[in-house]
Structure formats: structure tokens, C-alpha cells
PDB file of N, CA and C in Angstrom:
ATOM      1  N   UNK A   1     104.261  67.726  -6.422  1.00  0.00           N
ATOM      2  CA  UNK A   1     104.098  68.199  -7.848  1.00  0.00           C
ATOM      3  C   UNK A   1     104.298  67.015  -8.760  1.00  0.00           C
ATOM      4  N   UNK A   2     105.236  66.002  -8.399  1.00  0.00           N
ATOM      5  CA  UNK A   2     105.478  64.987  -9.434  1.00  0.00           C
ATOM      6  C   UNK A   2     104.200  64.105  -9.416  1.00  0.00           C
ATOM      7  N   UNK A   3     103.527  63.837  -8.277  1.00  0.00           N
ATOM      8  CA  UNK A   3     102.323  63.118  -8.202  1.00  0.00           C
ATOM      9  C   UNK A   3     101.171  63.646  -9.265  1.00  0.00           C
ATOM     10  N   UNK A   4     101.099  64.868  -9.205  1.00  0.00           N
ATOM     11  CA  UNK A   4     100.091  65.519 -10.119  1.00  0.00           C
ATOM     12  C   UNK A   4     100.408  65.339 -11.408  1.00  0.00           C
ATOM     13  N   UNK A   5     101.689  65.469 -11.820  1.00  0.00           N
ATOM     14  CA  UNK A   5     102.201  65.140 -13.177  1.00  0.00           C
ATOM     15  C   UNK A   5     101.851  63.711 -13.582  1.00  0.00           C
ATOM     16  N   UNK A   6     102.311  62.842 -12.737  1.00  0.00           N
ATOM     17  CA  UNK A   6     101.970  61.316 -13.064  1.00  0.00           C
ATOM     18  C   UNK A   6     100.513  60.960 -13.225  1.00  0.00           C
ATOM     19  N   UNK A   7      99.769  61.688 -12.254  1.00  0.00           N
ATOM     20  CA  UNK A   7      98.181  61.552 -12.432  1.00  0.00           C
ATOM     21  C   UNK A   7      97.788  62.051 -13.811  1.00  0.00           C
ATOM     22  N   UNK A   8      98.075  63.165 -14.033  1.00  0.00           N
ATOM     23  CA  UNK A   8      97.832  63.881 -15.366  1.00  0.00           C
ATOM     24  C   UNK A   8      98.209  63.032 -16.634  1.00  0.00           C
ATOM     25  N   UNK A   9      99.463  62.504 -16.489  1.00  0.00           N
ATOM     26  CA  UNK A   9     100.059  61.737 -17.695  1.00  0.00           C
ATOM     27  C   UNK A   9      99.179  60.454 -17.907  1.00  0.00           C
ATOM     28  N   UNK A  10      98.866  59.777 -16.753  1.00  0.00           N
ATOM     29  CA  UNK A  10      98.078  58.529 -16.847  1.00  0.00           C
ATOM     30  C   UNK A  10      96.629  58.861 -17.404  1.00  0.00           C
ATOM     31  N   UNK A  11      96.034  59.866 -16.879  1.00  0.00           N
ATOM     32  CA  UNK A  11      94.651  60.239 -17.465  1.00  0.00           C
ATOM     33  C   UNK A  11      94.727  60.583 -18.849  1.00  0.00           C
ATOM     34  N   UNK A  12      95.682  61.311 -19.348  1.00  0.00           N
ATOM     35  CA  UNK A  12      95.676  61.665 -20.722  1.00  0.00           C
ATOM     36  C   UNK A  12      96.064  60.522 -21.583  1.00  0.00           C
ATOM     37  N   UNK A  13      96.888  59.532 -21.101  1.00  0.00           N
ATOM     38  CA  UNK A  13      97.183  58.446 -21.952  1.00  0.00           C
ATOM     39  C   UNK A  13      95.876  57.597 -22.042  1.00  0.00           C
ATOM     40  N   UNK A  14      95.163  57.289 -21.020  1.00  0.00           N
ATOM     41  CA  UNK A  14      93.894  56.629 -21.103  1.00  0.00           C
ATOM     42  C   UNK A  14      92.982  57.347 -22.064  1.00  0.00           C
ATOM     43  N   UNK A  15      92.950  58.680 -22.027  1.00  0.00           N
ATOM     44  CA  UNK A  15      92.060  59.449 -22.979  1.00  0.00           C
ATOM     45  C   UNK A  15      92.380  59.231 -24.407  1.00  0.00           C
ATOM     46  N   UNK A  16      93.673  59.237 -24.751  1.00  0.00           N
ATOM     47  CA  UNK A  16      94.183  59.170 -26.141  1.00  0.00           C
ATOM     48  C   UNK A  16      93.866  57.637 -26.484  1.00  0.00           C
ATOM     49  N   UNK A  17      94.170  56.716 -25.659  1.00  0.00           N
ATOM     50  CA  UNK A  17      93.948  55.394 -25.966  1.00  0.00           C
ATOM     51  C   UNK A  17      92.374  55.098 -26.243  1.00  0.00           C
ATOM     52  N   UNK A  18      91.499  55.753 -25.504  1.00  0.00           N
ATOM     53  CA  UNK A  18      90.033  55.453 -25.737  1.00  0.00           C
ATOM     54  C   UNK A  18      89.739  56.057 -26.973  1.00  0.00           C
ATOM     55  N   UNK A  19      90.301  57.301 -27.369  1.00  0.00           N
ATOM     56  CA  UNK A  19      90.017  58.133 -28.501  1.00  0.00           C
ATOM     57  C   UNK A  19      90.526  57.277 -29.826  1.00  0.00           C
ATOM     58  N   UNK A  20      91.674  56.647 -29.647  1.00  0.00           N
ATOM     59  CA  UNK A  20      92.091  55.886 -30.712  1.00  0.00           C
ATOM     60  C   UNK A  20      91.319  54.551 -31.060  1.00  0.00           C
ATOM     61  N   UNK A  21      90.824  54.031 -29.856  1.00  0.00           N
ATOM     62  CA  UNK A  21      90.035  52.894 -30.216  1.00  0.00           C
ATOM     63  C   UNK A  21      88.652  53.204 -30.851  1.00  0.00           C
ATOM     64  N   UNK A  22      88.091  54.341 -30.426  1.00  0.00           N
ATOM     65  CA  UNK A  22      86.769  54.911 -31.007  1.00  0.00           C
ATOM     66  C   UNK A  22      86.997  55.206 -32.528  1.00  0.00           C
ATOM     67  N   UNK A  23      88.249  55.814 -32.822  1.00  0.00           N
ATOM     68  CA  UNK A  23      88.473  56.186 -34.193  1.00  0.00           C
ATOM     69  C   UNK A  23      88.750  54.928 -35.112  1.00  0.00           C
ATOM     70  N   UNK A  24      89.427  53.950 -34.622  1.00  0.00           N
ATOM     71  CA  UNK A  24      89.676  52.769 -35.409  1.00  0.00           C
ATOM     72  C   UNK A  24      88.310  51.972 -35.475  1.00  0.00           C
ATOM     73  N   UNK A  25      87.502  52.000 -34.452  1.00  0.00           N
ATOM     74  CA  UNK A  25      86.122  51.278 -34.510  1.00  0.00           C
ATOM     75  C   UNK A  25      85.322  52.061 -35.718  1.00  0.00           C
ATOM     76  N   UNK A  26      85.402  53.317 -35.823  1.00  0.00           N
ATOM     77  CA  UNK A  26      84.590  54.028 -36.838  1.00  0.00           C
ATOM     78  C   UNK A  26      85.147  53.615 -38.210  1.00  0.00           C
ATOM     79  N   UNK A  27      86.453  53.501 -38.305  1.00  0.00           N
ATOM     80  CA  UNK A  27      87.017  53.097 -39.589  1.00  0.00           C
ATOM     81  C   UNK A  27      86.698  51.813 -40.056  1.00  0.00           C
ATOM     82  N   UNK A  28      86.207  50.917 -39.203  1.00  0.00           N
ATOM     83  CA  UNK A  28      85.939  49.627 -39.516  1.00  0.00           C
ATOM     84  C   UNK A  28      84.549  49.457 -40.209  1.00  0.00           C
ATOM     85  N   UNK A  29      83.588  50.337 -40.024  1.00  0.00           N
ATOM     86  CA  UNK A  29      82.364  50.389 -40.597  1.00  0.00           C
ATOM     87  C   UNK A  29      82.258  50.475 -42.168  1.00  0.00           C
ATOM     88  N   UNK A  30      82.956  51.313 -42.689  1.00  0.00           N
ATOM     89  CA  UNK A  30      82.922  51.381 -44.257  1.00  0.00           C
ATOM     90  C   UNK A  30      83.137  49.969 -44.989  1.00  0.00           C
ATOM     91  N   UNK A  31      84.070  49.297 -44.471  1.00  0.00           N
ATOM     92  CA  UNK A  31      84.338  47.945 -45.069  1.00  0.00           C
ATOM     93  C   UNK A  31      83.024  47.045 -44.966  1.00  0.00           C
ATOM     94  N   UNK A  32      82.437  46.929 -43.698  1.00  0.00           N
ATOM     95  CA  UNK A  32      81.282  46.224 -43.518  1.00  0.00           C
ATOM     96  C   UNK A  32      80.115  46.763 -44.311  1.00  0.00           C
ATOM     97  N   UNK A  33      79.925  48.032 -44.523  1.00  0.00           N
ATOM     98  CA  UNK A  33      78.928  48.559 -45.350  1.00  0.00           C
ATOM     99  C   UNK A  33      79.124  48.191 -46.792  1.00  0.00           C
ATOM    100  N   UNK A  34      80.417  48.208 -47.212  1.00  0.00           N
ATOM    101  CA  UNK A  34      80.747  47.912 -48.507  1.00  0.00           C
ATOM    102  C   UNK A  34      80.382  46.435 -48.818  1.00  0.00           C
ATOM    103  N   UNK A  35      80.710  45.572 -47.797  1.00  0.00           N
ATOM    104  CA  UNK A  35      80.392  44.175 -47.968  1.00  0.00           C
ATOM    105  C   UNK A  35      78.882  43.888 -48.101  1.00  0.00           C
ATOM    106  N   UNK A  36      78.146  44.661 -47.252  1.00  0.00           N
ATOM    107  CA  UNK A  36      76.696  44.596 -47.336  1.00  0.00           C
ATOM    108  C   UNK A  36      76.189  44.950 -48.647  1.00  0.00           C
ATOM    109  N   UNK A  37      76.642  46.001 -49.197  1.00  0.00           N
ATOM    110  CA  UNK A  37      76.289  46.587 -50.403  1.00  0.00           C
ATOM    111  C   UNK A  37      76.715  45.689 -51.489  1.00  0.00           C
ATOM    112  N   UNK A  38      77.758  44.978 -51.553  1.00  0.00           N
ATOM    113  CA  UNK A  38      78.090  43.964 -52.488  1.00  0.00           C
ATOM    114  C   UNK A  38      77.238  42.779 -52.430  1.00  0.00           C
ATOM    115  N   UNK A  39      76.868  42.352 -51.230  1.00  0.00           N
ATOM    116  CA  UNK A  39      76.004  41.140 -51.136  1.00  0.00           C
ATOM    117  C   UNK A  39      74.613  41.607 -51.568  1.00  0.00           C
ATOM    118  N   UNK A  40      74.175  42.684 -51.586  1.00  0.00           N
ATOM    119  CA  UNK A  40      72.819  42.900 -52.049  1.00  0.00           C
ATOM    120  C   UNK A  40      72.768  43.596 -53.419  1.00  0.00           C
ATOM    121  N   UNK A  41      73.924  43.529 -54.080  1.00  0.00           N
ATOM    122  CA  UNK A  41      74.000  44.211 -55.408  1.00  0.00           C
ATOM    123  C   UNK A  41      73.350  43.416 -56.506  1.00  0.00           C
ATOM    124  N   UNK A  42      72.744  42.289 -56.196  1.00  0.00           N
ATOM    125  CA  UNK A  42      72.085  41.438 -57.151  1.00  0.00           C
ATOM    126  C   UNK A  42      70.592  41.821 -57.372  1.00  0.00           C
ATOM    127  N   UNK A  43      70.315  43.055 -56.872  1.00  0.00           N
ATOM    128  CA  UNK A  43      68.822  43.289 -57.003  1.00  0.00           C
ATOM    129  C   UNK A  43      68.382  43.847 -58.463  1.00  0.00           C
ATOM    130  N   UNK A  44      67.183  44.081 -58.660  1.00  0.00           N
ATOM    131  CA  UNK A  44      66.759  44.439 -59.982  1.00  0.00           C
ATOM    132  C   UNK A  44      66.830  46.021 -60.121  1.00  0.00           C
ATOM    133  N   UNK A  45      67.444  46.666 -59.269  1.00  0.00           N
ATOM    134  CA  UNK A  45      67.586  48.140 -59.421  1.00  0.00           C
ATOM    135  C   UNK A  45      68.422  48.541 -60.600  1.00  0.00           C
ATOM    136  N   UNK A  46      67.946  49.405 -61.471  1.00  0.00           N
ATOM    137  CA  UNK A  46      68.966  49.879 -62.565  1.00  0.00           C
ATOM    138  C   UNK A  46      69.863  50.832 -62.186  1.00  0.00           C
ATOM    139  N   UNK A  47      71.120  50.833 -62.742  1.00  0.00           N
ATOM    140  CA  UNK A  47      72.136  51.757 -62.546  1.00  0.00           C
ATOM    141  C   UNK A  47      72.360  52.567 -63.809  1.00  0.00           C
ATOM    142  N   UNK A  48      72.538  53.856 -63.576  1.00  0.00           N
ATOM    143  CA  UNK A  48      72.664  54.783 -64.660  1.00  0.00           C
ATOM    144  C   UNK A  48      74.106  55.506 -64.566  1.00  0.00           C
ATOM    145  N   UNK A  49      74.577  55.679 -65.743  1.00  0.00           N
ATOM    146  CA  UNK A  49      75.983  56.412 -65.762  1.00  0.00           C
ATOM    147  C   UNK A  49      75.627  57.904 -65.469  1.00  0.00           C
ATOM    148  N   UNK A  50      76.553  58.565 -64.846  1.00  0.00           N
ATOM    149  CA  UNK A  50      76.447  59.951 -64.490  1.00  0.00           C
ATOM    150  C   UNK A  50      76.175  60.828 -65.844  1.00  0.00           C
ATOM    151  N   UNK A  51      76.671  60.498 -66.890  1.00  0.00           N
ATOM    152  CA  UNK A  51      76.264  61.313 -68.102  1.00  0.00           C
ATOM    153  C   UNK A  51      74.931  61.213 -68.453  1.00  0.00           C
ATOM    154  N   UNK A  52      74.237  60.081 -68.315  1.00  0.00           N
ATOM    155  CA  UNK A  52      72.786  59.886 -68.553  1.00  0.00           C
ATOM    156  C   UNK A  52      71.948  60.797 -67.600  1.00  0.00           C
ATOM    157  N   UNK A  53      72.348  60.700 -66.413  1.00  0.00           N
ATOM    158  CA  UNK A  53      71.535  61.449 -65.266  1.00  0.00           C
ATOM    159  C   UNK A  53      71.692  62.960 -65.401  1.00  0.00           C
ATOM    160  N   UNK A  54      72.960  63.296 -65.920  1.00  0.00           N
ATOM    161  CA  UNK A  54      73.240  64.838 -66.038  1.00  0.00           C
ATOM    162  C   UNK A  54      72.383  65.244 -67.212  1.00  0.00           C
ATOM    163  N   UNK A  55      72.357  64.500 -68.290  1.00  0.00           N
ATOM    164  CA  UNK A  55      71.517  64.822 -69.462  1.00  0.00           C
ATOM    165  C   UNK A  55      70.070  64.923 -69.195  1.00  0.00           C
ATOM    166  N   UNK A  56      69.564  63.969 -68.489  1.00  0.00           N
ATOM    167  CA  UNK A  56      68.176  63.965 -68.034  1.00  0.00           C
ATOM    168  C   UNK A  56      67.767  65.153 -67.054  1.00  0.00           C
ATOM    169  N   UNK A  57      68.656  65.543 -66.236  1.00  0.00           N
ATOM    170  CA  UNK A  57      68.276  66.791 -65.322  1.00  0.00           C
ATOM    171  C   UNK A  57      68.814  68.025 -65.894  1.00  0.00           C
ATOM    172  N   UNK A  58      69.297  68.103 -67.237  1.00  0.00           N
ATOM    173  CA  UNK A  58      69.786  69.361 -67.830  1.00  0.00           C
ATOM    174  C   UNK A  58      71.021  69.941 -67.029  1.00  0.00           C
ATOM    175  N   UNK A  59      71.895  68.935 -66.786  1.00  0.00           N
ATOM    176  CA  UNK A  59      73.139  69.076 -66.082  1.00  0.00           C
ATOM    177  C   UNK A  59      72.837  69.495 -64.612  1.00  0.00           C
ATOM    178  N   UNK A  60      71.917  68.860 -64.011  1.00  0.00           N
ATOM    179  CA  UNK A  60      71.467  69.248 -62.597  1.00  0.00           C
ATOM    180  C   UNK A  60      71.145  70.714 -62.460  1.00  0.00           C
ATOM    181  N   UNK A  61      70.308  71.100 -63.466  1.00  0.00           N
ATOM    182  CA  UNK A  61      69.827  72.553 -63.424  1.00  0.00           C
ATOM    183  C   UNK A  61      68.912  72.839 -62.266  1.00  0.00           C
ATOM    184  N   UNK A  62      69.081  74.031 -61.587  1.00  0.00           N
ATOM    185  CA  UNK A  62      68.283  74.388 -60.451  1.00  0.00           C
ATOM    186  C   UNK A  62      66.848  74.442 -60.867  1.00  0.00           C
ATOM    187  N   UNK A  63      66.577  74.597 -62.128  1.00  0.00           N
ATOM    188  CA  UNK A  63      65.195  74.683 -62.630  1.00  0.00           C
ATOM    189  C   UNK A  63      64.392  73.307 -62.429  1.00  0.00           C
ATOM    190  N   UNK A  64      65.258  72.250 -62.537  1.00  0.00           N
ATOM    191  CA  UNK A  64      64.793  70.801 -62.326  1.00  0.00           C
ATOM    192  C   UNK A  64      64.769  70.344 -60.939  1.00  0.00           C
ATOM    193  N   UNK A  65      65.252  71.222 -59.991  1.00  0.00           N
ATOM    194  CA  UNK A  65      65.418  70.628 -58.598  1.00  0.00           C
ATOM    195  C   UNK A  65      64.097  70.722 -58.043  1.00  0.00           C
ATOM    196  N   UNK A  66      63.730  69.608 -57.272  1.00  0.00           N
ATOM    197  CA  UNK A  66      62.437  69.456 -56.719  1.00  0.00           C
ATOM    198  C   UNK A  66      62.650  69.757 -55.155  1.00  0.00           C
ATOM    199  N   UNK A  67      63.757  69.465 -54.611  1.00  0.00           N
ATOM    200  CA  UNK A  67      64.087  69.656 -53.157  1.00  0.00           C
ATOM    201  C   UNK A  67      65.206  68.861 -52.747  1.00  0.00           C
ATOM    202  N   UNK A  68      65.366  68.789 -51.507  1.00  0.00           N
ATOM    203  CA  UNK A  68      66.395  67.840 -50.942  1.00  0.00           C
ATOM    204  C   UNK A  68      65.964  66.966 -49.834  1.00  0.00           C
ATOM    205  N   UNK A  69      66.502  65.714 -49.990  1.00  0.00           N
ATOM    206  CA  UNK A  69      66.087  64.650 -49.132  1.00  0.00           C
ATOM    207  C   UNK A  69      67.375  64.245 -48.257  1.00  0.00           C
ATOM    208  N   UNK A  70      67.226  63.084 -47.612  1.00  0.00           N
ATOM    209  CA  UNK A  70      68.159  62.605 -46.590  1.00  0.00           C
ATOM    210  C   UNK A  70      69.527  62.219 -47.424  1.00  0.00           C
ATOM    211  N   UNK A  71      69.404  61.972 -48.836  1.00  0.00           N
ATOM    212  CA  UNK A  71      70.545  61.524 -49.567  1.00  0.00           C
ATOM    213  C   UNK A  71      71.066  62.638 -50.477  1.00  0.00           C
ATOM    214  N   UNK A  72      70.421  63.809 -50.398  1.00  0.00           N
ATOM    215  CA  UNK A  72      71.023  64.897 -51.249  1.00  0.00           C
ATOM    216  C   UNK A  72      69.811  65.537 -52.090  1.00  0.00           C
ATOM    217  N   UNK A  73      70.263  66.265 -53.134  1.00  0.00           N
ATOM    218  CA  UNK A  73      69.158  66.959 -54.062  1.00  0.00           C
ATOM    219  C   UNK A  73      68.360  65.845 -54.761  1.00  0.00           C
ATOM    220  N   UNK A  74      67.068  66.328 -54.978  1.00  0.00           N
ATOM    221  CA  UNK A  74      66.132  65.638 -55.710  1.00  0.00           C
ATOM    222  C   UNK A  74      65.676  66.376 -57.054  1.00  0.00           C
ATOM    223  N   UNK A  75      65.867  65.730 -58.266  1.00  0.00           N
ATOM    224  CA  UNK A  75      65.631  66.374 -59.451  1.00  0.00           C
ATOM    225  C   UNK A  75      64.615  65.640 -60.119  1.00  0.00           C
ATOM    226  N   UNK A  76      63.810  66.526 -61.160  1.00  0.00           N
ATOM    227  CA  UNK A  76      62.749  65.823 -61.777  1.00  0.00           C
ATOM    228  C   UNK A  76      63.497  65.401 -63.081  1.00  0.00           C
TER     229      UNK A  76
END
């Protein structure tokens, strides 16, 4: 019975260690994405305040909604 417990304990410990490594690996991506965004922030794309976009879409009215894309709702 003790051998079964030791076997289970070792397997569970390895499982949790593997899970923790995967979780910490996923947490490292937002930083690299942010660095990539910062390095490409010199583009000629315009940035708009939320208040300007809300006014242009009539406060995101469903009447102005064209559909949904991979990044969310699309308004005219």
C-alpha cells in the first residue's frame, strides 16, 4: 500500500510541476507581445480616443453594427 502511495505522490508532483511550467510559460508571452507592439508603434496608423469612436458609432449602436470579426464587433 505504501508503494502505491509513493508512486501516486511522485506522479502527482510531476504533473503539478509540468502544469506550473506551462502556466509560467504562458504568462511570459504578454510581455514579449507588448515589446513587439512597442517596437512597431512607429507606424503611420492613426489612434483615436474612445470618446471619438463612441461618437462616430452613435455610442456603439446596434444599428451601426456591420458584423463581428476576429477582433470583435465591426461598426460603420
